[in-house]
């Protein structure tokens, strides 16, 4: 199955339904549309001190005060289907301030729209990779 690694806390924000789009500097191949992806939370933690203050506050509000110590790392959170992708410039003016906060909507980037199909009760440990990679669940 195709897999995509997303850094924390963004992977958990997506899992929680707070983040609706994943923004990337590249577009997926068209054959990825309507296909399931394993959504993997990256292994390397982002230091809370490196997050913009407003994003840190959103994480605390949406995920709880202990989010920095309780979000999973290096694990597949669930399965989502890639519904669409578009250049960010096509609809950056139509998204909410919260969505702007949880993505990089700079010019030249792409917004990927996923729909969750299955959220694992217990995340599954996995080694992630950059770009799209293959995940084989035992």
N, C-alpha and C. Protein backbone atom coordinates (compact mmCIF):
# COMPACT_ATOMS: atom_id res chain seq x y z
N UNK A 1 0.85 -1.18 0.00
CA UNK A 1 0.00 0.00 0.00
C UNK A 1 0.89 1.24 0.00
N UNK A 2 0.44 2.27 -0.70
CA UNK A 2 1.16 3.55 -0.68
C UNK A 2 1.13 4.11 0.74
N UNK A 3 2.17 4.83 1.09
CA UNK A 3 2.24 5.45 2.41
C UNK A 3 2.84 6.84 2.28
N UNK A 4 2.46 7.71 3.21
CA UNK A 4 2.97 9.07 3.25
C UNK A 4 3.32 9.40 4.70
N UNK A 5 4.55 9.85 4.91
CA UNK A 5 4.98 10.26 6.24
C UNK A 5 4.70 11.74 6.41
N UNK A 6 4.09 12.07 7.53
CA UNK A 6 3.77 13.45 7.88
C UNK A 6 4.37 13.71 9.26
N UNK A 7 5.09 14.80 9.39
CA UNK A 7 5.71 15.13 10.68
C UNK A 7 4.64 15.40 11.74
N UNK A 8 5.04 15.21 12.97
CA UNK A 8 4.20 15.57 14.10
C UNK A 8 4.44 17.03 14.47
N UNK A 9 3.46 17.78 14.87
CA UNK A 9 2.11 17.38 15.26
C UNK A 9 1.11 17.34 14.11
N UNK A 10 1.56 17.61 12.88
CA UNK A 10 0.64 17.70 11.75
C UNK A 10 -0.07 16.39 11.44
N UNK A 11 0.61 15.26 11.61
CA UNK A 11 -0.04 13.96 11.36
C UNK A 11 -1.21 13.75 12.33
N UNK A 12 -0.99 14.05 13.60
CA UNK A 12 -2.06 13.88 14.58
C UNK A 12 -3.18 14.89 14.37
N UNK A 13 -2.84 16.11 13.96
CA UNK A 13 -3.88 17.09 13.65
C UNK A 13 -4.74 16.61 12.49
N UNK A 14 -4.12 15.97 11.52
CA UNK A 14 -4.88 15.41 10.39
C UNK A 14 -5.76 14.27 10.89
N UNK A 15 -5.17 13.39 11.69
CA UNK A 15 -5.88 12.25 12.26
C UNK A 15 -7.08 12.70 13.08
N UNK A 16 -6.94 13.83 13.79
CA UNK A 16 -8.01 14.35 14.65
C UNK A 16 -9.05 15.16 13.87
N UNK A 17 -8.85 15.35 12.57
CA UNK A 17 -9.81 16.09 11.75
C UNK A 17 -9.64 17.59 11.83
N UNK A 18 -8.56 18.05 12.44
CA UNK A 18 -8.29 19.48 12.55
C UNK A 18 -7.65 19.99 11.26
N UNK A 19 -6.78 19.20 10.68
CA UNK A 19 -6.05 19.54 9.45
C UNK A 19 -6.73 18.79 8.30
N UNK A 20 -7.28 19.53 7.35
CA UNK A 20 -8.01 18.90 6.25
C UNK A 20 -7.15 18.63 5.03
N UNK A 21 -6.07 19.38 4.87
CA UNK A 21 -5.19 19.24 3.70
C UNK A 21 -3.75 19.03 4.15
N UNK A 22 -3.05 18.21 3.42
CA UNK A 22 -1.61 18.09 3.60
C UNK A 22 -0.98 18.88 2.46
N UNK A 23 -0.13 19.84 2.79
CA UNK A 23 0.51 20.64 1.74
C UNK A 23 1.93 20.13 1.52
N UNK A 24 2.27 20.04 0.25
CA UNK A 24 3.58 19.53 -0.15
C UNK A 24 4.15 20.41 -1.25
N UNK A 25 5.47 20.33 -1.44
CA UNK A 25 6.13 21.09 -2.50
C UNK A 25 6.00 20.39 -3.84
N UNK A 26 5.40 19.23 -3.87
CA UNK A 26 5.28 18.42 -5.09
C UNK A 26 3.89 17.80 -5.16
N UNK A 27 3.51 17.47 -6.38
CA UNK A 27 2.21 16.84 -6.62
C UNK A 27 2.40 15.33 -6.77
N UNK A 28 1.42 14.55 -6.32
CA UNK A 28 1.50 13.10 -6.54
C UNK A 28 1.19 12.78 -7.99
N UNK A 29 1.51 11.56 -8.40
CA UNK A 29 1.10 11.10 -9.73
C UNK A 29 -0.42 10.95 -9.75
N UNK A 30 -1.01 11.19 -10.90
CA UNK A 30 -2.47 11.09 -11.02
C UNK A 30 -2.98 9.69 -10.67
N UNK A 31 -2.15 8.67 -10.85
CA UNK A 31 -2.60 7.31 -10.53
C UNK A 31 -2.74 7.08 -9.02
N UNK A 32 -2.38 8.08 -8.21
CA UNK A 32 -2.55 8.00 -6.76
C UNK A 32 -3.96 8.41 -6.32
N UNK A 33 -4.69 9.08 -7.21
CA UNK A 33 -6.04 9.54 -6.86
C UNK A 33 -6.97 8.36 -6.60
N UNK A 34 -7.83 8.54 -5.61
CA UNK A 34 -8.80 7.52 -5.21
C UNK A 34 -8.14 6.23 -4.75
N UNK A 35 -6.92 6.33 -4.27
CA UNK A 35 -6.19 5.17 -3.76
C UNK A 35 -5.94 5.34 -2.27
N UNK A 36 -5.94 4.22 -1.53
CA UNK A 36 -5.67 4.32 -0.10
C UNK A 36 -4.18 4.57 0.18
N UNK A 37 -3.93 5.33 1.23
CA UNK A 37 -2.59 5.61 1.71
C UNK A 37 -2.54 5.28 3.20
N UNK A 38 -1.45 4.68 3.61
CA UNK A 38 -1.17 4.57 5.04
C UNK A 38 -0.60 5.93 5.46
N UNK A 39 -1.17 6.52 6.49
CA UNK A 39 -0.68 7.81 6.97
C UNK A 39 0.22 7.53 8.17
N UNK A 40 1.48 7.89 7.97
CA UNK A 40 2.55 7.58 8.93
C UNK A 40 2.99 8.85 9.64
N UNK A 41 3.05 8.79 10.96
CA UNK A 41 3.58 9.90 11.76
C UNK A 41 5.10 9.78 11.78
N UNK A 42 5.77 10.83 11.36
CA UNK A 42 7.23 10.81 11.30
C UNK A 42 7.88 10.46 12.62
N UNK A 43 9.09 9.94 12.52
CA UNK A 43 9.84 9.47 13.68
C UNK A 43 10.49 10.61 14.47
N UNK A 44 10.86 11.65 13.76
CA UNK A 44 11.62 12.73 14.39
C UNK A 44 10.66 13.77 14.98
N UNK A 45 10.71 13.97 16.29
CA UNK A 45 9.83 14.97 16.88
C UNK A 45 10.24 16.39 16.51
N UNK A 46 9.24 17.23 16.34
CA UNK A 46 9.47 18.67 16.17
C UNK A 46 9.43 19.25 17.58
N UNK A 47 10.42 20.02 17.93
CA UNK A 47 10.45 20.61 19.27
C UNK A 47 9.36 21.67 19.39
N UNK A 48 8.63 21.61 20.46
CA UNK A 48 7.53 22.55 20.69
C UNK A 48 8.05 23.98 20.60
N UNK A 49 9.24 24.23 21.06
CA UNK A 49 9.79 25.59 21.00
C UNK A 49 9.99 26.07 19.57
N UNK A 50 10.04 25.14 18.60
CA UNK A 50 10.22 25.51 17.19
C UNK A 50 8.90 25.75 16.47
N UNK A 51 7.78 25.44 17.11
CA UNK A 51 6.47 25.65 16.49
C UNK A 51 6.05 27.10 16.65
N UNK A 52 5.38 27.65 15.65
CA UNK A 52 4.80 28.99 15.85
C UNK A 52 3.87 28.95 17.06
N UNK A 53 3.84 30.01 17.82
CA UNK A 53 3.03 30.07 19.04
C UNK A 53 1.57 29.73 18.79
N UNK A 54 1.01 30.26 17.70
CA UNK A 54 -0.40 30.01 17.40
C UNK A 54 -0.65 28.53 17.10
N UNK A 55 0.29 27.86 16.43
CA UNK A 55 0.14 26.44 16.15
C UNK A 55 0.25 25.63 17.43
N UNK A 56 1.18 25.99 18.29
CA UNK A 56 1.31 25.31 19.58
C UNK A 56 0.02 25.45 20.37
N UNK A 57 -0.56 26.65 20.39
CA UNK A 57 -1.82 26.87 21.11
C UNK A 57 -2.95 26.03 20.51
N UNK A 58 -3.00 25.93 19.18
CA UNK A 58 -4.03 25.11 18.53
C UNK A 58 -3.86 23.65 18.92
N UNK A 59 -2.63 23.17 18.96
CA UNK A 59 -2.37 21.78 19.35
C UNK A 59 -2.85 21.52 20.77
N UNK A 60 -2.55 22.42 21.68
CA UNK A 60 -2.99 22.26 23.06
C UNK A 60 -4.52 22.26 23.12
N UNK A 61 -5.14 23.17 22.38
CA UNK A 61 -6.61 23.27 22.37
C UNK A 61 -7.25 22.01 21.81
N UNK A 62 -6.73 21.50 20.71
CA UNK A 62 -7.36 20.38 20.00
C UNK A 62 -6.91 19.00 20.51
N UNK A 63 -5.68 18.90 20.98
CA UNK A 63 -5.12 17.59 21.33
C UNK A 63 -4.90 17.40 22.82
N UNK A 64 -5.00 18.47 23.58
CA UNK A 64 -4.80 18.37 25.02
C UNK A 64 -3.44 18.91 25.42
N UNK A 65 -3.33 19.26 26.66
CA UNK A 65 -2.12 19.90 27.19
C UNK A 65 -0.88 19.02 27.08
N UNK A 66 -1.04 17.72 27.04
CA UNK A 66 0.11 16.83 26.99
C UNK A 66 0.44 16.36 25.58
N UNK A 67 -0.09 17.05 24.57
CA UNK A 67 0.09 16.57 23.19
C UNK A 67 1.54 16.33 22.84
N UNK A 68 2.45 17.16 23.30
CA UNK A 68 3.87 17.04 22.92
C UNK A 68 4.49 15.74 23.42
N UNK A 69 3.93 15.15 24.46
CA UNK A 69 4.50 13.91 24.99
C UNK A 69 3.65 12.69 24.69
N UNK A 70 2.48 12.88 24.08
CA UNK A 70 1.60 11.74 23.86
C UNK A 70 1.35 11.41 22.39
N UNK A 71 1.73 12.27 21.46
CA UNK A 71 1.50 11.95 20.05
C UNK A 71 2.45 10.84 19.62
N UNK A 72 1.99 9.94 18.76
CA UNK A 72 2.85 8.84 18.32
C UNK A 72 3.91 9.29 17.31
N UNK A 73 5.05 8.66 17.36
CA UNK A 73 6.14 8.91 16.41
C UNK A 73 6.54 7.59 15.76
N UNK A 74 6.85 7.64 14.46
CA UNK A 74 7.30 6.44 13.77
C UNK A 74 6.25 5.35 13.71
N UNK A 75 4.98 5.77 13.53
CA UNK A 75 3.89 4.81 13.52
C UNK A 75 2.84 5.19 12.48
N UNK A 76 2.19 4.18 11.92
CA UNK A 76 1.09 4.41 10.98
C UNK A 76 -0.17 4.62 11.81
N UNK A 77 -0.84 5.75 11.56
CA UNK A 77 -2.03 6.12 12.33
C UNK A 77 -3.32 5.55 11.76
N UNK A 78 -3.34 5.31 10.45
CA UNK A 78 -4.55 4.80 9.82
C UNK A 78 -4.44 4.88 8.31
N UNK A 79 -5.57 4.66 7.67
CA UNK A 79 -5.64 4.63 6.21
C UNK A 79 -6.55 5.76 5.73
N UNK A 80 -6.09 6.48 4.72
CA UNK A 80 -6.87 7.56 4.13
C UNK A 80 -6.79 7.46 2.61
N UNK A 81 -7.84 7.89 1.95
CA UNK A 81 -7.88 7.89 0.48
C UNK A 81 -7.57 9.29 -0.02
N UNK A 82 -6.68 9.37 -1.02
CA UNK A 82 -6.38 10.66 -1.64
C UNK A 82 -7.49 11.00 -2.62
N UNK A 83 -8.28 12.02 -2.27
CA UNK A 83 -9.42 12.40 -3.11
C UNK A 83 -9.05 13.37 -4.22
N UNK A 84 -8.13 14.29 -3.93
CA UNK A 84 -7.78 15.32 -4.90
C UNK A 84 -6.48 15.99 -4.48
N UNK A 85 -5.89 16.69 -5.42
CA UNK A 85 -4.77 17.58 -5.12
C UNK A 85 -4.83 18.73 -6.11
N UNK A 86 -4.47 19.92 -5.61
CA UNK A 86 -4.50 21.13 -6.43
C UNK A 86 -3.37 22.04 -6.01
N UNK A 87 -2.93 22.90 -6.91
CA UNK A 87 -1.98 23.93 -6.49
C UNK A 87 -2.62 24.78 -5.38
N UNK A 88 -1.85 25.10 -4.37
CA UNK A 88 -2.38 25.88 -3.25
C UNK A 88 -2.94 27.22 -3.72
N UNK A 89 -2.36 27.80 -4.75
CA UNK A 89 -2.81 29.11 -5.24
C UNK A 89 -4.26 29.08 -5.72
N UNK A 90 -4.76 27.91 -6.12
CA UNK A 90 -6.12 27.81 -6.65
C UNK A 90 -7.20 28.06 -5.61
N UNK A 91 -6.89 27.82 -4.34
CA UNK A 91 -7.93 28.04 -3.34
C UNK A 91 -7.43 28.49 -1.98
N UNK A 92 -6.23 29.03 -1.93
CA UNK A 92 -5.70 29.51 -0.65
C UNK A 92 -6.58 30.59 -0.04
N UNK A 93 -7.25 31.39 -0.86
CA UNK A 93 -8.11 32.45 -0.34
C UNK A 93 -9.44 31.93 0.20
N UNK A 94 -9.73 30.65 -0.04
CA UNK A 94 -11.02 30.08 0.37
C UNK A 94 -10.92 29.24 1.63
N UNK A 95 -9.72 29.01 2.15
CA UNK A 95 -9.58 28.15 3.32
C UNK A 95 -9.63 28.96 4.61
N UNK A 96 -9.87 28.28 5.68
CA UNK A 96 -9.98 28.94 6.98
C UNK A 96 -8.61 29.37 7.51
N UNK A 97 -8.62 30.27 8.45
CA UNK A 97 -7.38 30.71 9.10
C UNK A 97 -6.72 29.53 9.80
N UNK A 98 -7.51 28.65 10.38
CA UNK A 98 -6.95 27.47 11.05
C UNK A 98 -6.22 26.58 10.05
N UNK A 99 -6.82 26.38 8.86
CA UNK A 99 -6.18 25.54 7.85
C UNK A 99 -4.89 26.19 7.35
N UNK A 100 -4.87 27.50 7.25
CA UNK A 100 -3.63 28.20 6.87
C UNK A 100 -2.54 27.96 7.90
N UNK A 101 -2.93 27.91 9.15
CA UNK A 101 -1.99 27.73 10.25
C UNK A 101 -1.34 26.34 10.24
N UNK A 102 -2.07 25.33 9.80
CA UNK A 102 -1.57 23.96 9.88
C UNK A 102 -0.97 23.45 8.57
N UNK A 103 -0.75 24.35 7.61
CA UNK A 103 -0.13 23.95 6.35
C UNK A 103 0.75 25.06 5.81
N UNK A 104 1.55 24.71 4.83
CA UNK A 104 2.39 25.71 4.15
C UNK A 104 1.72 26.01 2.82
N UNK A 105 1.04 27.14 2.76
CA UNK A 105 0.24 27.52 1.59
C UNK A 105 1.00 28.46 0.67
N UNK A 106 2.32 28.41 0.70
CA UNK A 106 3.15 29.26 -0.16
C UNK A 106 2.87 28.95 -1.63
N UNK A 107 3.17 29.94 -2.48
CA UNK A 107 3.01 29.76 -3.93
C UNK A 107 3.89 28.61 -4.40
N UNK A 108 3.39 27.88 -5.38
CA UNK A 108 4.15 26.79 -5.97
C UNK A 108 3.99 25.45 -5.26
N UNK A 109 3.17 25.40 -4.22
CA UNK A 109 2.97 24.16 -3.47
C UNK A 109 1.65 23.51 -3.87
N UNK A 110 1.38 22.33 -3.33
CA UNK A 110 0.18 21.57 -3.65
C UNK A 110 -0.54 21.15 -2.37
N UNK A 111 -1.86 21.23 -2.40
CA UNK A 111 -2.68 20.78 -1.28
C UNK A 111 -3.29 19.42 -1.65
N UNK A 112 -3.07 18.47 -0.79
CA UNK A 112 -3.59 17.12 -0.97
C UNK A 112 -4.80 16.95 -0.05
N UNK A 113 -5.91 16.50 -0.59
CA UNK A 113 -7.13 16.32 0.20
C UNK A 113 -7.35 14.82 0.44
N UNK A 114 -7.33 14.44 1.69
CA UNK A 114 -7.53 13.03 2.08
C UNK A 114 -8.86 12.86 2.78
N UNK A 115 -9.40 11.66 2.68
CA UNK A 115 -10.57 11.26 3.46
C UNK A 115 -10.16 10.04 4.28
N UNK A 116 -10.35 10.12 5.60
CA UNK A 116 -10.00 8.98 6.45
C UNK A 116 -10.93 7.81 6.18
N UNK A 117 -10.34 6.63 6.05
CA UNK A 117 -11.11 5.40 5.85
C UNK A 117 -11.08 4.57 7.13
N UNK A 118 -9.92 4.52 7.75
CA UNK A 118 -9.76 3.70 8.96
C UNK A 118 -8.73 4.36 9.86
N UNK A 119 -9.10 4.58 11.10
CA UNK A 119 -8.18 5.12 12.09
C UNK A 119 -7.86 3.99 13.06
N UNK A 120 -6.59 3.67 13.18
CA UNK A 120 -6.20 2.55 14.04
C UNK A 120 -6.34 2.93 15.51
N UNK A 121 -6.91 2.03 16.30
CA UNK A 121 -6.98 2.27 17.74
C UNK A 121 -5.58 2.32 18.32
N UNK A 122 -4.73 1.44 17.85
CA UNK A 122 -3.33 1.41 18.26
C UNK A 122 -2.48 1.64 17.01
N UNK A 123 -1.75 2.75 16.96
CA UNK A 123 -0.87 2.97 15.81
C UNK A 123 0.12 1.82 15.65
N UNK A 124 0.54 1.60 14.40
CA UNK A 124 1.42 0.47 14.08
C UNK A 124 2.82 0.98 13.79
N UNK A 125 3.82 0.53 14.55
CA UNK A 125 5.19 0.99 14.30
C UNK A 125 5.63 0.68 12.87
N UNK A 126 6.30 1.65 12.26
CA UNK A 126 6.81 1.49 10.90
C UNK A 126 7.91 2.51 10.67
N UNK A 127 8.82 2.16 9.81
CA UNK A 127 9.87 3.09 9.42
C UNK A 127 9.38 3.87 8.22
N UNK A 128 9.35 5.17 8.30
CA UNK A 128 8.88 5.99 7.20
C UNK A 128 9.99 6.39 6.26
N UNK A 129 9.60 6.96 5.16
CA UNK A 129 10.53 7.46 4.15
C UNK A 129 10.00 8.78 3.61
N UNK A 130 10.83 9.46 2.86
CA UNK A 130 10.38 10.67 2.19
C UNK A 130 9.61 10.29 0.93
N UNK A 131 8.82 11.26 0.43
CA UNK A 131 7.97 11.06 -0.75
C UNK A 131 6.94 9.97 -0.46
N UNK A 132 6.42 9.33 -1.50
CA UNK A 132 5.47 8.22 -1.33
C UNK A 132 6.29 6.94 -1.27
N UNK A 133 5.96 6.10 -0.32
CA UNK A 133 6.70 4.85 -0.14
C UNK A 133 5.72 3.70 0.04
N UNK A 134 6.22 2.48 0.00
CA UNK A 134 5.38 1.29 0.10
C UNK A 134 5.38 0.78 1.54
N UNK A 135 4.19 0.60 2.10
CA UNK A 135 4.04 0.05 3.44
C UNK A 135 3.38 -1.31 3.34
N UNK A 136 4.02 -2.28 3.94
CA UNK A 136 3.46 -3.63 3.97
C UNK A 136 3.10 -3.97 5.40
N UNK A 137 1.81 -4.09 5.64
CA UNK A 137 1.34 -4.41 6.98
C UNK A 137 1.24 -5.92 7.11
N UNK A 138 1.98 -6.43 8.09
CA UNK A 138 2.09 -7.88 8.32
C UNK A 138 0.82 -8.52 8.62
